[in-house]
PDB file of all heavy atoms in Angstrom:
ATOM      1  N   PHE A   1      83.362 -42.484  74.679  1.00  0.00           N
ATOM      2  CA  PHE A   1      83.518 -43.703  73.882  1.00  0.00           C
ATOM      3  C   PHE A   1      83.266 -43.395  72.400  1.00  0.00           C
ATOM      4  O   PHE A   1      84.076 -43.744  71.523  1.00  0.00           O
ATOM      5  CB  PHE A   1      82.511 -44.769  74.334  1.00  0.00           C
ATOM      6  CG  PHE A   1      82.990 -45.682  75.427  1.00  0.00           C
ATOM      7  CD1 PHE A   1      82.730 -45.379  76.746  1.00  0.00           C
ATOM      8  CD2 PHE A   1      83.697 -46.828  75.135  1.00  0.00           C
ATOM      9  CE1 PHE A   1      83.150 -46.215  77.768  1.00  0.00           C
ATOM     10  CE2 PHE A   1      84.122 -47.675  76.142  1.00  0.00           C
ATOM     11  CZ  PHE A   1      83.852 -47.375  77.468  1.00  0.00           C
ATOM     12  N   SER A   2      82.133 -42.775  72.127  1.00  0.00           N
ATOM     13  CA  SER A   2      81.727 -42.518  70.751  1.00  0.00           C
ATOM     14  C   SER A   2      82.681 -41.564  70.046  1.00  0.00           C
ATOM     15  O   SER A   2      83.004 -41.745  68.869  1.00  0.00           O
ATOM     16  CB  SER A   2      80.305 -41.942  70.720  1.00  0.00           C
ATOM     17  OG  SER A   2      79.384 -42.868  71.259  1.00  0.00           O
ATOM     18  N   LEU A   3      83.132 -40.542  70.771  1.00  0.00           N
ATOM     19  CA  LEU A   3      84.030 -39.562  70.163  1.00  0.00           C
ATOM     20  C   LEU A   3      85.380 -40.163  69.806  1.00  0.00           C
ATOM     21  O   LEU A   3      85.931 -39.886  68.737  1.00  0.00           O
ATOM     22  CB  LEU A   3      84.219 -38.379  71.119  1.00  0.00           C
ATOM     23  CG  LEU A   3      83.055 -37.390  71.127  1.00  0.00           C
ATOM     24  CD1 LEU A   3      83.157 -36.471  72.326  1.00  0.00           C
ATOM     25  CD2 LEU A   3      83.041 -36.585  69.845  1.00  0.00           C
ATOM     26  N   ILE A   4      85.911 -40.994  70.673  1.00  0.00           N
ATOM     27  CA  ILE A   4      87.204 -41.605  70.384  1.00  0.00           C
ATOM     28  C   ILE A   4      87.106 -42.509  69.168  1.00  0.00           C
ATOM     29  O   ILE A   4      87.955 -42.468  68.269  1.00  0.00           O
ATOM     30  CB  ILE A   4      87.730 -42.375  71.612  1.00  0.00           C
ATOM     31  CG1 ILE A   4      88.116 -41.387  72.713  1.00  0.00           C
ATOM     32  CG2 ILE A   4      88.929 -43.250  71.234  1.00  0.00           C
ATOM     33  CD1 ILE A   4      88.523 -42.038  74.013  1.00  0.00           C
ATOM     34  N   ASP A   5      86.062 -43.325  69.098  1.00  0.00           N
ATOM     35  CA  ASP A   5      85.887 -44.193  67.932  1.00  0.00           C
ATOM     36  C   ASP A   5      85.634 -43.371  66.671  1.00  0.00           C
ATOM     37  O   ASP A   5      86.152 -43.687  65.593  1.00  0.00           O
ATOM     38  CB  ASP A   5      84.732 -45.167  68.162  1.00  0.00           C
ATOM     39  CG  ASP A   5      85.138 -46.355  69.008  1.00  0.00           C
ATOM     40  OD1 ASP A   5      86.353 -46.603  69.148  1.00  0.00           O
ATOM     41  OD2 ASP A   5      84.247 -47.041  69.540  1.00  0.00           O
ATOM     42  N   GLY A   6      84.848 -42.301  66.797  1.00  0.00           N
ATOM     43  CA  GLY A   6      84.569 -41.461  65.644  1.00  0.00           C
ATOM     44  C   GLY A   6      85.809 -40.760  65.120  1.00  0.00           C
ATOM     45  O   GLY A   6      86.028 -40.669  63.906  1.00  0.00           O
ATOM     46  N   LEU A   7      86.648 -40.267  66.023  1.00  0.00           N
ATOM     47  CA  LEU A   7      87.865 -39.575  65.591  1.00  0.00           C
ATOM     48  C   LEU A   7      88.922 -40.552  65.090  1.00  0.00           C
ATOM     49  O   LEU A   7      89.760 -40.182  64.266  1.00  0.00           O
ATOM     50  CB  LEU A   7      88.407 -38.713  66.732  1.00  0.00           C
ATOM     51  CG  LEU A   7      87.602 -37.417  66.929  1.00  0.00           C
ATOM     52  CD1 LEU A   7      87.976 -36.726  68.232  1.00  0.00           C
ATOM     53  CD2 LEU A   7      87.814 -36.468  65.756  1.00  0.00           C
ATOM     54  N   THR A   8      88.888 -41.790  65.556  1.00  0.00           N
ATOM     55  CA  THR A   8      89.768 -42.813  64.976  1.00  0.00           C
ATOM     56  C   THR A   8      89.421 -42.989  63.504  1.00  0.00           C
ATOM     57  O   THR A   8      90.303 -43.029  62.633  1.00  0.00           O
ATOM     58  CB  THR A   8      89.605 -44.157  65.715  1.00  0.00           C
ATOM     59  OG1 THR A   8      89.985 -43.994  67.076  1.00  0.00           O
ATOM     60  CG2 THR A   8      90.481 -45.228  65.069  1.00  0.00           C
ATOM     61  N   LEU A   9      88.122 -43.072  63.207  1.00  0.00           N
ATOM     62  CA  LEU A   9      87.685 -43.174  61.814  1.00  0.00           C
ATOM     63  C   LEU A   9      88.061 -41.920  61.033  1.00  0.00           C
ATOM     64  O   LEU A   9      88.470 -42.003  59.865  1.00  0.00           O
ATOM     65  CB  LEU A   9      86.172 -43.395  61.771  1.00  0.00           C
ATOM     66  CG  LEU A   9      85.561 -43.631  60.384  1.00  0.00           C
ATOM     67  CD1 LEU A   9      86.156 -44.875  59.744  1.00  0.00           C
ATOM     68  CD2 LEU A   9      84.042 -43.766  60.499  1.00  0.00           C
ATOM     69  N   HIS A  10      87.968 -40.765  61.673  1.00  0.00           N
ATOM     70  CA  HIS A  10      88.369 -39.508  61.027  1.00  0.00           C
ATOM     71  C   HIS A  10      89.823 -39.562  60.589  1.00  0.00           C
ATOM     72  O   HIS A  10      90.160 -39.203  59.446  1.00  0.00           O
ATOM     73  CB  HIS A  10      88.153 -38.345  62.005  1.00  0.00           C
ATOM     74  CG  HIS A  10      88.854 -37.076  61.613  1.00  0.00           C
ATOM     75  ND1 HIS A  10      88.395 -36.253  60.618  1.00  0.00           N
ATOM     76  CD2 HIS A  10      89.998 -36.498  62.090  1.00  0.00           C
ATOM     77  CE1 HIS A  10      89.215 -35.211  60.489  1.00  0.00           C
ATOM     78  NE2 HIS A  10      90.186 -35.337  61.367  1.00  0.00           N
ATOM     79  N   PHE A  11      90.718 -40.028  61.463  1.00  0.00           N
ATOM     80  CA  PHE A  11      92.134 -40.089  61.110  1.00  0.00           C
ATOM     81  C   PHE A  11      92.424 -41.202  60.108  1.00  0.00           C
ATOM     82  O   PHE A  11      93.371 -41.100  59.328  1.00  0.00           O
ATOM     83  CB  PHE A  11      92.990 -40.267  62.368  1.00  0.00           C
ATOM     84  CG  PHE A  11      93.099 -39.016  63.188  1.00  0.00           C
ATOM     85  CD1 PHE A  11      92.546 -38.946  64.462  1.00  0.00           C
ATOM     86  CD2 PHE A  11      93.733 -37.897  62.681  1.00  0.00           C
ATOM     87  CE1 PHE A  11      92.639 -37.790  65.214  1.00  0.00           C
ATOM     88  CE2 PHE A  11      93.829 -36.731  63.428  1.00  0.00           C
ATOM     89  CZ  PHE A  11      93.275 -36.677  64.695  1.00  0.00           C
ATOM     90  N   MET A  12      91.632 -42.263  60.121  1.00  0.00           N
ATOM     91  CA  MET A  12      91.778 -43.308  59.103  1.00  0.00           C
ATOM     92  C   MET A  12      91.546 -42.745  57.710  1.00  0.00           C
ATOM     93  O   MET A  12      92.288 -43.033  56.766  1.00  0.00           O
ATOM     94  CB  MET A  12      90.774 -44.439  59.351  1.00  0.00           C
ATOM     95  CG  MET A  12      91.116 -45.392  60.467  1.00  0.00           C
ATOM     96  SD  MET A  12      89.845 -46.679  60.683  1.00  0.00           S
ATOM     97  CE  MET A  12      90.037 -47.606  59.146  1.00  0.00           C
ATOM     98  N   ILE A  13      90.502 -41.941  57.576  1.00  0.00           N
ATOM     99  CA  ILE A  13      90.080 -41.466  56.263  1.00  0.00           C
ATOM    100  C   ILE A  13      90.817 -40.197  55.851  1.00  0.00           C
ATOM    101  O   ILE A  13      91.107 -39.988  54.667  1.00  0.00           O
ATOM    102  CB  ILE A  13      88.553 -41.217  56.269  1.00  0.00           C
ATOM    103  CG1 ILE A  13      87.818 -42.550  56.503  1.00  0.00           C
ATOM    104  CG2 ILE A  13      88.085 -40.576  54.967  1.00  0.00           C
ATOM    105  CD1 ILE A  13      86.341 -42.397  56.732  1.00  0.00           C
ATOM    106  N   ASN A  14      91.164 -39.345  56.806  1.00  0.00           N
ATOM    107  CA  ASN A  14      91.705 -38.019  56.491  1.00  0.00           C
ATOM    108  C   ASN A  14      93.182 -37.866  56.844  1.00  0.00           C
ATOM    109  O   ASN A  14      93.590 -36.823  57.326  1.00  0.00           O
ATOM    110  CB  ASN A  14      90.893 -36.944  57.232  1.00  0.00           C
ATOM    111  CG  ASN A  14      89.460 -36.882  56.770  1.00  0.00           C
ATOM    112  OD1 ASN A  14      89.192 -36.529  55.629  1.00  0.00           O
ATOM    113  ND2 ASN A  14      88.539 -37.246  57.631  1.00  0.00           N
ATOM    114  N   HIS A  15      93.958 -38.903  56.622  1.00  0.00           N
ATOM    115  CA  HIS A  15      95.393 -38.778  56.866  1.00  0.00           C
ATOM    116  C   HIS A  15      96.089 -38.318  55.585  1.00  0.00           C
ATOM    117  O   HIS A  15      95.557 -38.456  54.489  1.00  0.00           O
ATOM    118  CB  HIS A  15      95.983 -40.119  57.321  1.00  0.00           C
ATOM    119  CG  HIS A  15      95.861 -41.188  56.287  1.00  0.00           C
ATOM    120  ND1 HIS A  15      94.767 -42.026  56.221  1.00  0.00           N
ATOM    121  CD2 HIS A  15      96.670 -41.542  55.270  1.00  0.00           C
ATOM    122  CE1 HIS A  15      94.921 -42.858  55.216  1.00  0.00           C
ATOM    123  NE2 HIS A  15      96.064 -42.585  54.609  1.00  0.00           N
ATOM    124  N   SER A  16      97.272 -37.787  55.733  1.00  0.00           N
ATOM    125  CA  SER A  16      98.057 -37.355  54.572  1.00  0.00           C
ATOM    126  C   SER A  16      99.526 -37.318  54.952  1.00  0.00           C
ATOM    127  O   SER A  16      99.884 -37.021  56.086  1.00  0.00           O
ATOM    128  CB  SER A  16      97.616 -35.964  54.111  1.00  0.00           C
ATOM    129  OG  SER A  16      98.492 -35.481  53.110  1.00  0.00           O
ATOM    130  N   ASN A  17     100.376 -37.613  53.983  1.00  0.00           N
ATOM    131  CA  ASN A  17     101.809 -37.560  54.227  1.00  0.00           C
ATOM    132  C   ASN A  17     102.402 -36.191  53.914  1.00  0.00           C
ATOM    133  O   ASN A  17     103.585 -35.952  54.176  1.00  0.00           O
ATOM    134  CB  ASN A  17     102.525 -38.618  53.371  1.00  0.00           C
ATOM    135  CG  ASN A  17     102.407 -40.005  53.979  1.00  0.00           C
ATOM    136  OD1 ASN A  17     102.649 -40.186  55.155  1.00  0.00           O
ATOM    137  ND2 ASN A  17     102.042 -40.975  53.163  1.00  0.00           N
ATOM    138  N   THR A  18     101.606 -35.278  53.328  1.00  0.00           N
ATOM    139  CA  THR A  18     102.163 -33.993  52.941  1.00  0.00           C
ATOM    140  C   THR A  18     101.968 -32.967  54.057  1.00  0.00           C
ATOM    141  O   THR A  18     100.886 -32.855  54.624  1.00  0.00           O
ATOM    142  CB  THR A  18     101.484 -33.467  51.655  1.00  0.00           C
ATOM    143  OG1 THR A  18     100.100 -33.212  51.929  1.00  0.00           O
ATOM    144  CG2 THR A  18     101.579 -34.504  50.541  1.00  0.00           C
ATOM    145  N   PRO A  19     103.010 -32.206  54.366  1.00  0.00           N
ATOM    146  CA  PRO A  19     102.899 -31.184  55.418  1.00  0.00           C
ATOM    147  C   PRO A  19     101.805 -30.171  55.127  1.00  0.00           C
ATOM    148  O   PRO A  19     101.152 -29.672  56.039  1.00  0.00           O
ATOM    149  CB  PRO A  19     104.286 -30.518  55.410  1.00  0.00           C
ATOM    150  CG  PRO A  19     105.200 -31.541  54.806  1.00  0.00           C
ATOM    151  CD  PRO A  19     104.362 -32.283  53.796  1.00  0.00           C
ATOM    152  N   GLU A  20     101.582 -29.861  53.832  1.00  0.00           N
ATOM    153  CA  GLU A  20     100.577 -28.874  53.469  1.00  0.00           C
ATOM    154  C   GLU A  20      99.175 -29.341  53.865  1.00  0.00           C
ATOM    155  O   GLU A  20      98.375 -28.573  54.413  1.00  0.00           O
ATOM    156  CB  GLU A  20     100.618 -28.603  51.962  1.00  0.00           C
ATOM    157  CG  GLU A  20     101.888 -27.912  51.485  1.00  0.00           C
ATOM    158  CD  GLU A  20     103.051 -28.881  51.333  1.00  0.00           C
ATOM    159  OE1 GLU A  20     102.829 -30.118  51.445  1.00  0.00           O
ATOM    160  OE2 GLU A  20     104.184 -28.414  51.130  1.00  0.00           O
ATOM    161  N   GLU A  21      98.873 -30.604  53.580  1.00  0.00           N
ATOM    162  CA  GLU A  21      97.560 -31.143  53.926  1.00  0.00           C
ATOM    163  C   GLU A  21      97.388 -31.257  55.428  1.00  0.00           C
ATOM    164  O   GLU A  21      96.323 -30.968  55.970  1.00  0.00           O
ATOM    165  CB  GLU A  21      97.357 -32.512  53.258  1.00  0.00           C
ATOM    166  CG  GLU A  21      97.108 -32.441  51.766  1.00  0.00           C
ATOM    167  CD  GLU A  21      95.840 -31.673  51.443  1.00  0.00           C
ATOM    168  OE1 GLU A  21      94.829 -31.890  52.124  1.00  0.00           O
ATOM    169  OE2 GLU A  21      95.873 -30.845  50.519  1.00  0.00           O
ATOM    170  N   ARG A  22      98.454 -31.696  56.115  1.00  0.00           N
ATOM    171  CA  ARG A  22      98.366 -31.826  57.573  1.00  0.00           C
ATOM    172  C   ARG A  22      98.181 -30.468  58.233  1.00  0.00           C
ATOM    173  O   ARG A  22      97.491 -30.348  59.244  1.00  0.00           O
ATOM    174  CB  ARG A  22      99.627 -32.517  58.126  1.00  0.00           C
ATOM    175  CG  ARG A  22      99.685 -34.000  57.811  1.00  0.00           C
ATOM    176  CD  ARG A  22     100.675 -34.698  58.724  1.00  0.00           C
ATOM    177  NE  ARG A  22     102.028 -34.192  58.565  1.00  0.00           N
ATOM    178  CZ  ARG A  22     102.907 -34.698  57.699  1.00  0.00           C
ATOM    179  NH1 ARG A  22     102.579 -35.720  56.934  1.00  0.00           N
ATOM    180  NH2 ARG A  22     104.129 -34.189  57.616  1.00  0.00           N
ATOM    181  N   ALA A  23      98.771 -29.431  57.664  1.00  0.00           N
ATOM    182  CA  ALA A  23      98.663 -28.092  58.248  1.00  0.00           C
ATOM    183  C   ALA A  23      97.247 -27.545  58.181  1.00  0.00           C
ATOM    184  O   ALA A  23      96.863 -26.695  58.984  1.00  0.00           O
ATOM    185  CB  ALA A  23      99.624 -27.139  57.524  1.00  0.00           C
ATOM    186  N   LYS A  24      96.447 -28.040  57.225  1.00  0.00           N
ATOM    187  CA  LYS A  24      95.072 -27.568  57.077  1.00  0.00           C
ATOM    188  C   LYS A  24      94.137 -28.172  58.114  1.00  0.00           C
ATOM    189  O   LYS A  24      93.027 -27.684  58.299  1.00  0.00           O
ATOM    190  CB  LYS A  24      94.553 -27.915  55.669  1.00  0.00           C
ATOM    191  CG  LYS A  24      95.274 -27.190  54.539  1.00  0.00           C
ATOM    192  CD  LYS A  24      94.724 -27.665  53.197  1.00  0.00           C
ATOM    193  CE  LYS A  24      95.473 -27.007  52.043  1.00  0.00           C
ATOM    194  NZ  LYS A  24      94.985 -27.502  50.727  1.00  0.00           N
ATOM    195  N   ARG A  25      94.579 -29.241  58.761  1.00  0.00           N
ATOM    196  CA  ARG A  25      93.704 -29.954  59.691  1.00  0.00           C
ATOM    197  C   ARG A  25      94.046 -29.610  61.130  1.00  0.00           C
ATOM    198  O   ARG A  25      95.139 -29.146  61.448  1.00  0.00           O
ATOM    199  CB  ARG A  25      93.828 -31.456  59.469  1.00  0.00           C
ATOM    200  CG  ARG A  25      93.439 -31.877  58.054  1.00  0.00           C
ATOM    201  CD  ARG A  25      93.175 -33.367  57.989  1.00  0.00           C
ATOM    202  NE  ARG A  25      92.794 -33.714  56.622  1.00  0.00           N
ATOM    203  CZ  ARG A  25      93.644 -34.202  55.728  1.00  0.00           C
ATOM    204  NH1 ARG A  25      94.890 -34.439  56.067  1.00  0.00           N
ATOM    205  NH2 ARG A  25      93.226 -34.459  54.503  1.00  0.00           N
ATOM    206  N   SER A  26      93.109 -29.875  61.992  1.00  0.00           N
ATOM    207  CA  SER A  26      93.331 -29.645  63.409  1.00  0.00           C
ATOM    208  C   SER A  26      94.379 -30.603  63.941  1.00  0.00           C
ATOM    209  O   SER A  26      94.449 -31.753  63.538  1.00  0.00           O
ATOM    210  CB  SER A  26      92.019 -29.850  64.182  1.00  0.00           C
ATOM    211  OG  SER A  26      91.043 -28.955  63.724  1.00  0.00           O
ATOM    212  N   THR A  27      95.182 -30.134  64.866  1.00  0.00           N
ATOM    213  CA  THR A  27      96.206 -30.989  65.455  1.00  0.00           C
ATOM    214  C   THR A  27      95.578 -31.894  66.504  1.00  0.00           C
ATOM    215  O   THR A  27      94.549 -31.554  67.104  1.00  0.00           O
ATOM    216  CB  THR A  27      97.308 -30.144  66.114  1.00  0.00           C
ATOM    217  OG1 THR A  27      96.718 -29.413  67.206  1.00  0.00           O
ATOM    218  CG2 THR A  27      97.937 -29.184  65.127  1.00  0.00           C
ATOM    219  N   PRO A  28      96.189 -33.062  66.747  1.00  0.00           N
ATOM    220  CA  PRO A  28      95.670 -33.941  67.798  1.00  0.00           C
ATOM    221  C   PRO A  28      95.561 -33.264  69.154  1.00  0.00           C
ATOM    222  O   PRO A  28      94.602 -33.484  69.892  1.00  0.00           O
ATOM    223  CB  PRO A  28      96.693 -35.090  67.816  1.00  0.00           C
ATOM    224  CG  PRO A  28      97.188 -35.155  66.411  1.00  0.00           C
ATOM    225  CD  PRO A  28      97.273 -33.711  65.979  1.00  0.00           C
ATOM    226  N   SER A  29      96.535 -32.405  69.490  1.00  0.00           N
ATOM    227  CA  SER A  29      96.502 -31.747  70.798  1.00  0.00           C
ATOM    228  C   SER A  29      95.332 -30.765  70.886  1.00  0.00           C
ATOM    229  O   SER A  29      94.702 -30.614  71.934  1.00  0.00           O
ATOM    230  CB  SER A  29      97.820 -31.012  71.066  1.00  0.00           C
ATOM    231  OG  SER A  29      98.073 -30.050  70.059  1.00  0.00           O
ATOM    232  N   ARG A  30      95.015 -30.103  69.785  1.00  0.00           N
ATOM    233  CA  ARG A  30      93.892 -29.167  69.787  1.00  0.00           C
ATOM    234  C   ARG A  30      92.567 -29.924  69.923  1.00  0.00           C
ATOM    235  O   ARG A  30      91.662 -29.499  70.661  1.00  0.00           O
ATOM    236  CB  ARG A  30      93.912 -28.352  68.490  1.00  0.00           C
ATOM    237  CG  ARG A  30      92.982 -27.145  68.531  1.00  0.00           C
ATOM    238  CD  ARG A  30      93.212 -26.255  67.330  1.00  0.00           C
ATOM    239  NE  ARG A  30      92.176 -25.228  67.277  1.00  0.00           N
ATOM    240  CZ  ARG A  30      91.643 -24.769  66.149  1.00  0.00           C
ATOM    241  NH1 ARG A  30      92.030 -25.248  64.995  1.00  0.00           N
ATOM    242  NH2 ARG A  30      90.730 -23.826  66.176  1.00  0.00           N
ATOM    243  N   LEU A  31      92.448 -31.040  69.218  1.00  0.00           N
ATOM    244  CA  LEU A  31      91.249 -31.855  69.356  1.00  0.00           C
ATOM    245  C   LEU A  31      91.105 -32.378  70.780  1.00  0.00           C
ATOM    246  O   LEU A  31      90.013 -32.377  71.346  1.00  0.00           O
ATOM    247  CB  LEU A  31      91.309 -33.040  68.378  1.00  0.00           C
ATOM    248  CG  LEU A  31      91.003 -32.721  66.912  1.00  0.00           C
ATOM    249  CD1 LEU A  31      91.366 -33.925  66.044  1.00  0.00           C
ATOM    250  CD2 LEU A  31      89.554 -32.345  66.722  1.00  0.00           C
ATOM    251  N   ALA A  32      92.221 -32.823  71.350  1.00  0.00           N
ATOM    252  CA  ALA A  32      92.187 -33.343  72.719  1.00  0.00           C
ATOM    253  C   ALA A  32      91.740 -32.269  73.703  1.00  0.00           C
ATOM    254  O   ALA A  32      90.963 -32.530  74.626  1.00  0.00           O
ATOM    255  CB  ALA A  32      93.561 -33.885  73.109  1.00  0.00           C
ATOM    256  N   ALA A  33      92.231 -31.043  73.519  1.00  0.00           N
ATOM    257  CA  ALA A  33      91.854 -29.945  74.411  1.00  0.00           C
ATOM    258  C   ALA A  33      90.358 -29.638  74.296  1.00  0.00           C
ATOM    259  O   ALA A  33      89.691 -29.370  75.297  1.00  0.00           O
ATOM    260  CB  ALA A  33      92.680 -28.704  74.074  1.00  0.00           C
ATOM    261  N   PHE A  34      89.827 -29.688  73.074  1.00  0.00           N
ATOM    262  CA  PHE A  34      88.407 -29.446  72.883  1.00  0.00           C
ATOM    263  C   PHE A  34      87.566 -30.513  73.573  1.00  0.00           C
ATOM    264  O   PHE A  34      86.542 -30.216  74.190  1.00  0.00           O
ATOM    265  CB  PHE A  34      88.080 -29.411  71.381  1.00  0.00           C
ATOM    266  CG  PHE A  34      87.835 -28.017  70.873  1.00  0.00           C
ATOM    267  CD1 PHE A  34      88.881 -27.117  70.785  1.00  0.00           C
ATOM    268  CD2 PHE A  34      86.573 -27.609  70.489  1.00  0.00           C
ATOM    269  CE1 PHE A  34      88.675 -25.829  70.315  1.00  0.00           C
ATOM    270  CE2 PHE A  34      86.354 -26.319  70.023  1.00  0.00           C
ATOM    271  CZ  PHE A  34      87.409 -25.428  69.934  1.00  0.00           C
ATOM    272  N   ILE A  35      87.991 -31.754  73.451  1.00  0.00           N
ATOM    273  CA  ILE A  35      87.239 -32.831  74.101  1.00  0.00           C
ATOM    274  C   ILE A  35      87.274 -32.667  75.605  1.00  0.00           C
ATOM    275  O   ILE A  35      86.247 -32.784  76.284  1.00  0.00           O
ATOM    276  CB  ILE A  35      87.802 -34.206  73.698  1.00  0.00           C
ATOM    277  CG1 ILE A  35      87.525 -34.467  72.219  1.00  0.00           C
ATOM    278  CG2 ILE A  35      87.183 -35.334  74.545  1.00  0.00           C
ATOM    279  CD1 ILE A  35      88.146 -35.737  71.693  1.00  0.00           C
TER     280      ILE A  35
END
């Protein structure tokens, strides 16, 4: 519960429309695998 809400806030604050910025961040699938 806590992780899903926390990562929702993470994507709210750390989104970007530029491919360069998105490439620096972990992908949703990688985060999902870690969880």
